[in-house]
Amino acid sequence: MKLLVAVKRVIDYNVKIRVKADKTGVETANVKMSMNPFDEIAVEEAIRLKEAGAAKEIVAVSMGPQGCQETIRTALAMGADRGIHVLTDIALEPLAVAKLLKAIIAKEQPGLVILGKQAIDDDCNQTGQMLAALMNWPQATFASKLKLTAETAEVTREVDGGLETIAIKLPAVVTTDLRLNEPRYASLPNIMKAKKKTIDQTTPEALDVNVQPRLTTLQVTEPVKRQGGKKLGSVEELVDKLMHEAQVI
């Protein structure tokens, strides 16, 4: 079975986000970038499935500017076999990513697609669900445990009430939650080997997919800073402030 894993290049989670001076977006120039943490979990799970004999090949896919090849190399160093880079400078929305993945799936014919449940830059949590709808495939979101057989995937997923275990037919789409696994660090020998692994490059035009944004960002601003709390001397003083300052009662 072939596994397809989508990996996104995002601002590193340790970096403090800064809004651009013109408020058109967040600052990415000279900012450390890395693989989306949920996608690291997806790559790790694909590697574990291959090590267990449930898969034969892992293909890592990333979409965006030239720098996305670094993210693919990270996946290759972890253990993916080859990469596909969809080169574009357009800011991709979840539906565009899902359509591009559908086009790649048509060529690669994987038995399972694994994605992080969301990206830490936009927190959309939409791409996996949209891809499953476009492909008319079963889906299992927020997976905290995954077991494959020849024809099905048994997935334990996290829901509001706790955990539920479902079985879905393959091919399918699975999105990963934090508790699925702990991603490995790439060893130096594997980092060197990753430099020799193949990354095929294509474009949205070559895949015949329109990726023009459907949404327009009017302005990006930082959230209002929270003020410190105050100690009050009595219940009457509290009620007075709630009525006249906060105006909540």
Protein backbone atom coordinates (compact mmCIF):
# COMPACT_ATOMS: atom_id res chain seq x y z
CA MET A 1 0.00 0.00 0.00
CA LYS A 2 1.14 3.53 -0.78
CA LEU A 3 0.65 6.28 1.81
CA LEU A 4 0.29 9.94 0.93
CA VAL A 5 1.10 12.48 3.65
CA ALA A 6 0.47 16.22 3.33
CA VAL A 7 2.95 18.51 5.12
CA LYS A 8 2.62 22.28 5.49
CA ARG A 9 5.34 24.86 6.01
CA VAL A 10 4.36 27.22 8.83
CA ILE A 11 5.98 29.72 11.17
CA ASP A 12 7.75 27.74 13.90
CA TYR A 13 5.61 27.34 17.02
CA ASN A 14 8.35 28.88 19.19
CA VAL A 15 8.33 32.15 17.22
CA LYS A 16 6.31 35.11 18.45
CA ILE A 17 3.99 36.16 15.63
CA ARG A 18 4.30 39.78 14.47
CA VAL A 19 1.73 41.60 12.36
CA LYS A 20 3.03 43.54 9.35
CA ALA A 21 3.13 47.32 9.63
CA ASP A 22 0.53 47.68 6.87
CA LYS A 23 -1.73 45.10 8.59
CA THR A 24 -2.03 42.95 5.46
CA GLY A 25 -0.85 39.80 7.22
CA VAL A 26 1.79 38.38 9.55
CA GLU A 27 5.51 38.90 9.08
CA THR A 28 7.29 35.92 7.48
CA ALA A 29 10.50 37.57 6.24
CA ASN A 30 13.56 36.28 8.13
CA VAL A 31 11.28 34.22 10.37
CA LYS A 32 12.07 30.62 11.28
CA MET A 33 9.76 28.20 9.47
CA SER A 34 9.13 24.52 10.20
CA MET A 35 6.75 21.67 9.52
CA ASN A 36 3.28 22.00 11.01
CA PRO A 37 3.37 19.94 14.26
CA PHE A 38 0.21 17.99 13.41
CA ASP A 39 1.76 17.07 10.05
CA GLU A 40 4.87 15.79 11.85
CA ILE A 41 2.54 13.40 13.67
CA ALA A 42 1.06 12.34 10.32
CA VAL A 43 4.52 11.62 8.89
CA GLU A 44 5.51 9.67 12.00
CA GLU A 45 2.37 7.55 11.82
CA ALA A 46 3.00 6.77 8.14
CA ILE A 47 6.55 5.69 8.99
CA ARG A 48 5.33 3.45 11.79
CA LEU A 49 2.80 1.83 9.46
CA LYS A 50 5.56 1.15 6.95
CA GLU A 51 7.83 -0.26 9.65
CA ALA A 52 4.98 -2.55 10.72
CA GLY A 53 4.67 -3.86 7.15
CA ALA A 54 1.31 -2.21 6.44
CA ALA A 55 2.71 0.08 3.73
CA LYS A 56 5.47 -0.03 1.13
CA GLU A 57 5.94 3.60 0.14
CA ILE A 58 5.42 7.02 1.73
CA VAL A 59 4.99 10.10 -0.45
CA ALA A 60 5.22 13.52 1.25
CA VAL A 61 3.38 16.40 -0.45
CA SER A 62 3.76 20.11 0.24
CA MET A 63 2.33 23.16 -1.52
CA GLY A 64 3.61 26.70 -1.63
CA PRO A 65 6.79 28.66 -2.39
CA GLN A 66 10.24 27.20 -3.00
CA GLY A 67 10.95 27.04 0.74
CA CYS A 68 8.43 24.19 1.04
CA GLN A 69 11.13 21.86 -0.27
CA GLU A 70 12.86 22.21 3.11
CA THR A 71 9.70 20.90 4.76
CA ILE A 72 9.59 17.96 2.36
CA ARG A 73 13.28 17.23 3.08
CA THR A 74 12.41 17.10 6.78
CA ALA A 75 9.75 14.47 6.03
CA LEU A 76 12.24 12.55 3.88
CA ALA A 77 14.81 12.67 6.67
CA MET A 78 12.22 11.26 9.08
CA GLY A 79 11.61 8.32 6.74
CA ALA A 80 9.38 9.26 3.79
CA ASP A 81 10.51 7.79 0.46
CA ARG A 82 9.96 10.65 -1.96
CA GLY A 83 8.32 14.04 -2.19
CA ILE A 84 6.03 16.10 -4.41
CA HIS A 85 6.15 19.90 -4.35
CA VAL A 86 3.35 21.97 -5.86
CA LEU A 87 5.09 25.28 -6.53
CA THR A 88 2.99 28.43 -6.14
CA ASP A 89 3.33 31.83 -4.49
CA ILE A 90 -0.44 32.19 -4.07
CA ALA A 91 -1.73 31.88 -0.51
CA LEU A 92 -3.62 28.60 -0.62
CA GLU A 93 -6.99 28.18 1.07
CA PRO A 94 -8.14 24.76 2.38
CA LEU A 95 -10.39 24.07 -0.62
CA ALA A 96 -7.53 24.80 -3.06
CA VAL A 97 -5.24 22.45 -1.13
CA ALA A 98 -7.92 19.74 -1.17
CA LYS A 99 -8.35 20.09 -4.93
CA LEU A 100 -4.59 19.90 -5.50
CA LEU A 101 -4.38 16.80 -3.33
CA LYS A 102 -7.23 15.25 -5.30
CA ALA A 103 -5.29 15.80 -8.53
CA ILE A 104 -2.17 14.24 -7.03
CA ILE A 105 -4.15 11.28 -5.66
CA ALA A 106 -5.49 10.62 -9.16
CA LYS A 107 -1.87 10.13 -10.32
CA GLU A 108 -0.39 8.42 -7.26
CA GLN A 109 -3.33 6.16 -6.30
CA PRO A 110 -2.52 5.85 -2.58
CA GLY A 111 -4.40 3.50 -0.30
CA LEU A 112 -4.48 6.00 2.56
CA VAL A 113 -4.04 9.77 2.90
CA ILE A 114 -2.88 11.08 6.28
CA LEU A 115 -3.01 14.76 7.22
CA GLY A 116 -2.64 16.78 10.39
CA LYS A 117 -6.07 17.72 11.73
CA GLN A 118 -5.22 21.42 11.35
CA ALA A 119 -2.37 23.86 10.75
CA ILE A 120 -1.16 26.11 13.55
CA ASP A 121 -1.11 29.20 11.33
CA ASP A 122 -4.79 29.35 10.36
CA ASP A 123 -6.35 26.60 12.55
CA CYS A 124 -8.89 25.92 9.80
CA ASN A 125 -9.32 22.16 10.35
CA GLN A 126 -10.97 21.85 6.92
CA THR A 127 -8.62 20.30 4.36
CA GLY A 128 -9.02 16.64 5.37
CA GLN A 129 -12.79 16.85 5.42
CA MET A 130 -12.93 18.69 2.09
CA LEU A 131 -10.59 16.16 0.49
CA ALA A 132 -12.72 13.24 1.67
CA ALA A 133 -15.81 14.93 0.22
CA LEU A 134 -14.13 15.63 -3.13
CA MET A 135 -12.85 12.04 -3.36
CA ASN A 136 -16.07 10.53 -1.97
CA TRP A 137 -13.87 8.55 0.43
CA PRO A 138 -14.50 7.56 4.06
CA GLN A 139 -12.81 9.79 6.62
CA ALA A 140 -11.68 9.50 10.23
CA THR A 141 -10.76 12.79 11.88
CA PHE A 142 -8.88 13.50 15.14
CA ALA A 143 -7.26 10.05 15.19
CA SER A 144 -5.48 9.07 18.40
CA LYS A 145 -4.91 5.45 17.33
CA LEU A 146 -4.69 3.86 13.88
CA LYS A 147 -4.55 0.22 12.82
CA LEU A 148 -4.60 -0.97 9.20
CA THR A 149 -5.72 -4.22 7.62
CA ALA A 150 -5.76 -5.12 3.95
CA GLU A 151 -9.12 -3.46 3.31
CA THR A 152 -9.98 -1.37 6.37
CA ALA A 153 -8.59 1.09 8.88
CA GLU A 154 -9.57 0.88 12.55
CA VAL A 155 -9.37 4.36 14.04
CA THR A 156 -9.81 5.53 17.60
CA ARG A 157 -10.78 9.17 17.46
CA GLU A 158 -11.15 11.87 20.07
CA VAL A 159 -14.63 13.35 20.45
CA ASP A 160 -16.24 15.68 22.98
CA GLY A 161 -17.52 12.78 25.07
CA GLY A 162 -14.22 10.87 25.14
CA LEU A 163 -13.07 8.28 22.58
CA GLU A 164 -14.85 6.33 19.85
CA THR A 165 -13.48 3.57 17.65
CA ILE A 166 -14.67 3.22 14.07
CA ALA A 167 -13.76 1.04 11.09
CA ILE A 168 -13.60 2.57 7.62
CA LYS A 169 -12.97 1.04 4.23
CA LEU A 170 -9.83 1.91 2.28
CA PRO A 171 -8.92 4.07 0.45
CA ALA A 172 -9.66 6.73 3.05
CA VAL A 173 -8.58 10.02 4.60
CA VAL A 174 -7.32 10.20 8.19
CA THR A 175 -6.44 13.35 10.14
CA THR A 176 -4.17 13.10 13.17
CA ASP A 177 -4.58 14.37 16.72
CA LEU A 178 -1.82 15.17 19.21
CA ARG A 179 -2.05 11.91 21.14
CA LEU A 180 -1.56 9.63 18.13
CA ASN A 181 2.22 9.46 18.56
CA GLU A 182 5.39 11.40 19.34
CA PRO A 183 7.37 12.28 16.18
CA ARG A 184 10.96 11.10 15.99
CA TYR A 185 14.00 13.27 15.45
CA ALA A 186 15.77 12.79 12.15
CA SER A 187 19.25 11.30 12.57
CA LEU A 188 22.25 12.84 10.82
CA PRO A 189 22.70 9.86 8.44
CA ASN A 190 19.02 10.09 7.45
CA ILE A 191 19.34 13.85 6.92
CA MET A 192 22.21 13.19 4.52
CA LYS A 193 20.25 10.45 2.75
CA ALA A 194 17.25 12.78 2.40
CA LYS A 195 19.32 15.12 0.23
CA LYS A 196 19.51 12.39 -2.41
CA LYS A 197 15.83 11.43 -2.36
CA THR A 198 13.58 12.56 -5.21
CA ILE A 199 11.29 15.58 -5.00
CA ASP A 200 9.06 15.97 -8.05
CA GLN A 201 7.92 19.53 -8.72
CA THR A 202 4.67 20.55 -10.38
CA THR A 203 2.34 23.56 -10.45
CA PRO A 204 -1.39 24.13 -10.00
CA GLU A 205 -1.60 24.92 -13.73
CA ALA A 206 -0.04 21.56 -14.61
CA LEU A 207 -2.57 19.86 -12.34
CA ASP A 208 -5.39 21.90 -13.93
CA VAL A 209 -6.53 23.32 -10.58
CA ASN A 210 -7.67 26.90 -10.00
CA VAL A 211 -6.16 28.06 -6.69
CA GLN A 212 -7.17 31.72 -6.76
CA PRO A 213 -8.33 32.81 -3.28
CA ARG A 214 -12.07 33.02 -2.64
CA LEU A 215 -11.66 35.14 0.48
CA THR A 216 -10.32 38.66 0.84
CA THR A 217 -8.45 39.66 4.00
CA LEU A 218 -9.42 43.19 4.93
CA GLN A 219 -7.07 43.66 7.85
CA VAL A 220 -4.94 41.69 10.29
CA THR A 221 -4.53 43.08 13.81
CA GLU A 222 -3.13 41.80 17.08
CA PRO A 223 -5.62 40.89 19.82
CA VAL A 224 -6.24 43.49 22.50
CA LYS A 225 -3.90 42.99 25.44
CA ARG A 226 -5.65 41.84 28.59
CA GLN A 227 -5.49 44.11 31.58
CA GLY A 228 -4.41 42.90 34.98
CA GLY A 229 -6.94 41.96 37.62
CA LYS A 230 -7.87 44.05 40.64
CA LYS A 231 -8.72 43.19 44.23
CA LEU A 232 -11.96 44.70 45.45
CA GLY A 233 -12.94 45.40 49.01
CA SER A 234 -16.56 44.30 48.95
CA VAL A 235 -19.36 42.71 46.95
CA GLU A 236 -20.99 46.13 46.59
CA GLU A 237 -17.87 47.51 44.91
CA LEU A 238 -17.79 44.52 42.56
CA VAL A 239 -21.44 45.00 41.57
CA ASP A 240 -20.84 48.71 41.00
CA LYS A 241 -17.94 48.05 38.62
CA LEU A 242 -19.87 45.36 36.75
CA MET A 243 -22.74 47.80 36.27
CA HIS A 244 -20.89 51.01 35.38
CA GLU A 245 -17.49 49.99 33.99
CA ALA A 246 -17.98 46.56 32.46
CA GLN A 247 -21.67 47.17 31.77
CA VAL A 248 -22.46 43.48 31.96
CA ILE A 249 -25.35 43.80 34.41
